[in-house]
Amino acid sequence: MTPAEILASLFPSGHSVSAEGDLLFGQGTLPGGAVVHVVGATARAPIGIDQAIRLSGAVLEIARSDDAAPILFLVDSASQRMSRRDELLGLSEYLAHLAKSLLLAEARGHRTIGLLYGGSAAGAFIATALACGTLVALPGAHPEVMDLASMSRVTKLPIEVLEAKAKTTPVFAPGLGNLVSVGGIAAVWDADDSLADQLQALLACPRDGDDRAALGEKRRGRPKSARIAGEVAAAAQA
């Protein structure tokens, strides 16, 4: 689906979302009148410092408001822009600032929901889609925290070894199904049904903390993460 098709299905009552280059900003109205803030990174474009600081500014402006309206973050990006300029100016700090802006907005009562409808990878994926309190996706989305070739360079393991592990262990593999298995993606929406109805159903279920490890355990993609994290938290509090 294109951004225009997604917005039309999400907000049949209308929206004011407009594009600034490859970014989206505005609001939409759900059936029944509820308002949703919308930001977005589109067109498979990489996210550099300029995009990160503009998105952060928009999220912080919403966080300062008292309307408690949720934020919907549409995501279809490449990885972070790994140019000399961006790296020298501190791209990692800009991405961290964007992620923290989303966490702050959620803490101030604006539920944050990422909608991955295309691609996203590496630091850009972590700072946008995964930084949202809840992440959903549309069929055909293709997330990558790290592709296997890059993982091979970092771990020094032959790519053949990683390919074999990826067949049985979702944490080693990119792709939509694997991110669902490990709990990173809460649900894959049906693109043929009303996205407004699916968003409203999601908003009707209160979010009680970070449930991604529990989802990963339930789906057998991360069978030990929730237990180990619980033990670490208990030890820290003892």
Protein backbone atom coordinates (compact mmCIF):
# COMPACT_ATOMS: atom_id res chain seq x y z
CA MET A 1 0.00 0.00 0.00
CA THR A 2 1.08 3.57 -0.65
CA PRO A 3 1.03 6.21 2.10
CA ALA A 4 -2.03 7.79 0.47
CA GLU A 5 -3.89 4.46 0.50
CA ILE A 6 -2.88 3.79 4.09
CA LEU A 7 -4.04 7.22 5.25
CA ALA A 8 -7.34 6.89 3.39
CA SER A 9 -8.03 3.54 5.07
CA LEU A 10 -6.94 4.80 8.49
CA PHE A 11 -8.87 8.05 8.40
CA PRO A 12 -12.02 7.81 6.26
CA SER A 13 -13.27 10.93 8.07
CA GLY A 14 -10.31 12.91 6.76
CA HIS A 15 -6.77 13.92 7.65
CA SER A 16 -4.37 16.83 7.39
CA VAL A 17 -1.21 14.80 6.82
CA SER A 18 1.19 16.37 4.34
CA ALA A 19 4.65 15.53 3.05
CA GLU A 20 7.90 17.36 3.67
CA GLY A 21 10.23 15.62 1.29
CA ASP A 22 10.24 12.00 2.42
CA LEU A 23 8.71 12.80 5.82
CA LEU A 24 5.04 13.01 6.85
CA PHE A 25 3.41 15.21 9.48
CA GLY A 26 -0.17 15.97 10.46
CA GLN A 27 -3.28 14.58 12.09
CA GLY A 28 -6.05 12.20 11.19
CA THR A 29 -9.55 11.64 12.53
CA LEU A 30 -10.82 8.15 13.29
CA PRO A 31 -14.48 7.17 12.93
CA GLY A 32 -16.09 8.50 16.08
CA GLY A 33 -13.95 11.64 16.14
CA ALA A 34 -10.76 10.57 17.93
CA VAL A 35 -7.67 12.45 16.75
CA VAL A 36 -4.37 10.72 15.95
CA HIS A 37 -1.07 12.50 15.43
CA VAL A 38 0.83 11.19 12.41
CA VAL A 39 4.53 11.32 11.61
CA GLY A 40 6.28 9.24 9.00
CA ALA A 41 9.46 8.29 7.18
CA THR A 42 8.64 7.18 3.65
CA ALA A 43 9.90 6.24 0.20
CA ARG A 44 12.65 3.90 1.46
CA ALA A 45 14.79 6.98 2.08
CA PRO A 46 17.67 6.80 4.57
CA ILE A 47 17.35 8.74 7.81
CA GLY A 48 20.15 11.21 8.41
CA ILE A 49 20.62 13.92 11.00
CA ASP A 50 18.28 16.33 9.21
CA GLN A 51 15.43 13.84 9.12
CA ALA A 52 16.05 12.62 12.67
CA ILE A 53 16.02 16.09 14.21
CA ARG A 54 12.91 17.12 12.26
CA LEU A 55 11.05 14.00 13.38
CA SER A 56 12.25 14.49 16.95
CA GLY A 57 11.04 18.08 16.96
CA ALA A 58 7.58 17.03 15.78
CA VAL A 59 7.34 14.29 18.41
CA LEU A 60 8.49 16.63 21.20
CA GLU A 61 5.93 19.23 20.14
CA ILE A 62 3.22 16.57 20.47
CA ALA A 63 4.66 15.47 23.83
CA ARG A 64 4.30 19.03 25.12
CA SER A 65 0.61 19.08 24.27
CA ASP A 66 -1.99 17.85 26.73
CA ASP A 67 -4.42 16.20 24.30
CA ALA A 68 -3.18 12.65 25.11
CA ALA A 69 -3.79 11.70 21.49
CA PRO A 70 -1.77 8.76 20.20
CA ILE A 71 1.10 9.08 17.74
CA LEU A 72 1.11 6.86 14.66
CA PHE A 73 4.54 6.56 13.05
CA LEU A 74 4.45 5.30 9.44
CA VAL A 75 7.73 3.65 8.51
CA ASP A 76 9.20 2.79 5.12
CA SER A 77 12.87 3.72 5.18
CA ALA A 78 16.31 2.49 4.33
CA SER A 79 18.89 2.33 7.09
CA GLN A 80 20.44 5.43 8.63
CA ARG A 81 22.31 7.66 6.18
CA MET A 82 25.92 6.58 6.56
CA SER A 83 27.53 9.60 4.94
CA ARG A 84 30.71 11.24 6.18
CA ARG A 85 28.80 14.42 7.05
CA ASP A 86 26.16 12.63 9.08
CA GLU A 87 28.66 10.47 10.92
CA LEU A 88 30.94 13.41 11.78
CA LEU A 89 28.01 15.42 13.10
CA GLY A 90 26.96 12.62 15.45
CA LEU A 91 24.30 10.61 13.64
CA SER A 92 24.08 8.06 16.45
CA GLU A 93 23.18 10.82 18.93
CA TYR A 94 20.49 12.18 16.63
CA LEU A 95 18.95 8.72 16.29
CA ALA A 96 19.12 8.20 20.05
CA HIS A 97 17.43 11.58 20.53
CA LEU A 98 14.60 10.51 18.21
CA ALA A 99 14.11 7.25 20.11
CA LYS A 100 14.10 9.08 23.46
CA SER A 101 11.59 11.61 22.10
CA LEU A 102 9.18 8.77 21.38
CA LEU A 103 9.74 7.30 24.85
CA LEU A 104 9.06 10.71 26.39
CA ALA A 105 5.85 11.15 24.41
CA GLU A 106 4.63 7.76 25.62
CA ALA A 107 5.53 8.62 29.21
CA ARG A 108 3.48 11.82 28.91
CA GLY A 109 0.36 9.98 27.84
CA HIS A 110 0.66 9.82 24.05
CA ARG A 111 0.59 6.19 23.07
CA THR A 112 3.13 5.57 20.30
CA ILE A 113 2.34 3.07 17.55
CA GLY A 114 4.66 2.25 14.68
CA LEU A 115 3.16 1.02 11.42
CA LEU A 116 5.80 -0.64 9.26
CA TYR A 117 4.47 -0.82 5.72
CA GLY A 118 7.74 -1.06 3.77
CA GLY A 119 11.36 -1.59 4.60
CA SER A 120 13.55 -0.40 7.44
CA ALA A 121 16.94 -1.43 8.70
CA ALA A 122 19.61 -1.01 11.32
CA GLY A 123 19.72 2.16 13.42
CA ALA A 124 16.89 3.81 11.50
CA PHE A 125 14.63 0.85 12.30
CA ILE A 126 15.57 0.91 15.98
CA ALA A 127 15.07 4.68 16.34
CA THR A 128 11.68 4.77 14.62
CA ALA A 129 9.61 1.58 14.46
CA LEU A 130 11.15 -0.27 17.40
CA ALA A 131 11.23 2.86 19.58
CA CYS A 132 7.43 3.01 19.49
CA GLY A 133 5.55 1.40 22.35
CA THR A 134 3.72 -0.92 19.95
CA LEU A 135 4.81 -1.95 16.47
CA VAL A 136 2.47 -3.41 13.86
CA ALA A 137 3.10 -4.14 10.20
CA LEU A 138 1.40 -4.67 6.89
CA PRO A 139 2.01 -7.74 4.71
CA GLY A 140 5.07 -7.27 2.53
CA ALA A 141 6.98 -5.20 5.08
CA HIS A 142 10.63 -6.17 5.35
CA PRO A 143 12.45 -5.15 8.55
CA GLU A 144 16.13 -5.81 9.16
CA VAL A 145 17.91 -5.04 12.38
CA MET A 146 21.04 -6.32 10.65
CA ASP A 147 21.40 -8.27 7.42
CA LEU A 148 23.34 -11.50 7.51
CA ALA A 149 26.28 -10.15 5.52
CA SER A 150 26.78 -7.35 8.06
CA MET A 151 26.26 -9.76 10.92
CA SER A 152 28.97 -11.98 9.47
CA ARG A 153 31.43 -9.07 9.40
CA VAL A 154 30.67 -8.14 13.00
CA THR A 155 30.63 -11.64 14.53
CA LYS A 156 33.41 -13.04 12.28
CA LEU A 157 31.21 -16.08 11.69
CA PRO A 158 30.97 -17.42 8.11
CA ILE A 159 27.77 -16.34 6.45
CA GLU A 160 26.96 -20.02 5.80
CA VAL A 161 26.89 -20.59 9.57
CA LEU A 162 24.54 -17.64 10.07
CA GLU A 163 22.28 -18.78 7.24
CA ALA A 164 21.99 -22.19 8.90
CA LYS A 165 21.22 -20.63 12.29
CA ALA A 166 18.65 -18.30 10.72
CA LYS A 167 16.60 -21.29 9.60
CA THR A 168 15.95 -22.37 13.18
CA THR A 169 16.57 -19.25 15.30
CA PRO A 170 14.54 -16.14 14.38
CA VAL A 171 16.89 -13.71 16.15
CA PHE A 172 19.51 -14.45 13.48
CA ALA A 173 17.25 -13.69 10.55
CA PRO A 174 15.80 -10.55 8.95
CA GLY A 175 12.25 -10.41 7.62
CA LEU A 176 8.70 -9.87 8.80
CA GLY A 177 7.97 -13.38 10.06
CA ASN A 178 11.08 -13.48 12.20
CA LEU A 179 10.38 -10.11 13.84
CA VAL A 180 6.87 -11.36 14.64
CA SER A 181 8.29 -14.55 16.15
CA VAL A 182 10.63 -12.72 18.51
CA GLY A 183 7.86 -10.35 19.62
CA GLY A 184 9.23 -7.19 18.04
CA ILE A 185 6.09 -6.84 15.92
CA ALA A 186 2.86 -7.20 17.87
CA ALA A 187 0.62 -7.99 14.90
CA VAL A 188 0.43 -8.01 11.13
CA TRP A 189 -2.67 -6.13 10.01
CA ASP A 190 -4.92 -7.20 7.16
CA ALA A 191 -4.42 -4.72 4.33
CA ASP A 192 -7.77 -5.70 2.80
CA ASP A 193 -9.74 -4.72 5.92
CA SER A 194 -10.29 -1.28 7.39
CA LEU A 195 -7.07 -0.02 8.94
CA ALA A 196 -9.17 2.39 11.00
CA ASP A 197 -10.99 -0.54 12.64
CA GLN A 198 -7.71 -2.32 13.33
CA LEU A 199 -6.14 0.79 14.83
CA GLN A 200 -9.17 1.42 17.01
CA ALA A 201 -9.10 -2.19 18.22
CA LEU A 202 -5.44 -1.77 19.15
CA LEU A 203 -6.08 1.50 20.98
CA ALA A 204 -8.95 -0.11 22.89
CA CYS A 205 -6.49 -2.55 24.51
CA PRO A 206 -4.53 -0.73 27.22
CA ARG A 207 -0.77 -1.11 27.02
CA ASP A 208 0.72 -2.34 30.27
CA GLY A 209 4.47 -2.10 29.97
CA ASP A 210 6.78 -3.64 27.39
CA ASP A 211 5.36 -7.03 26.42
CA ARG A 212 7.77 -7.87 23.61
CA ALA A 213 9.79 -10.43 25.57
CA ALA A 214 6.58 -12.12 26.70
CA LEU A 215 5.34 -12.23 23.11
CA GLY A 216 8.65 -13.71 21.99
CA GLU A 217 8.34 -16.42 24.62
CA LYS A 218 4.73 -17.18 23.68
CA ARG A 219 5.62 -17.39 19.99
CA ARG A 220 8.78 -19.43 20.73
CA GLY A 221 11.03 -17.00 18.93
CA ARG A 222 12.75 -15.90 22.16
CA PRO A 223 11.93 -18.65 24.64
CA LYS A 224 14.27 -17.47 27.43
CA SER A 225 14.37 -13.69 27.16
CA ALA A 226 11.40 -12.90 29.42
CA ARG A 227 12.57 -15.26 32.17
CA ILE A 228 16.15 -13.99 32.15
CA ALA A 229 15.04 -10.35 32.10
CA GLY A 230 12.74 -11.08 35.04
CA GLU A 231 15.56 -12.67 37.01
CA VAL A 232 17.86 -9.71 36.31
CA ALA A 233 15.17 -7.25 37.42
CA ALA A 234 14.51 -9.23 40.58
CA ALA A 235 18.21 -9.37 41.42
CA ALA A 236 18.57 -5.63 40.85
CA GLN A 237 15.66 -4.91 43.20
CA ALA A 238 16.82 -7.29 45.92
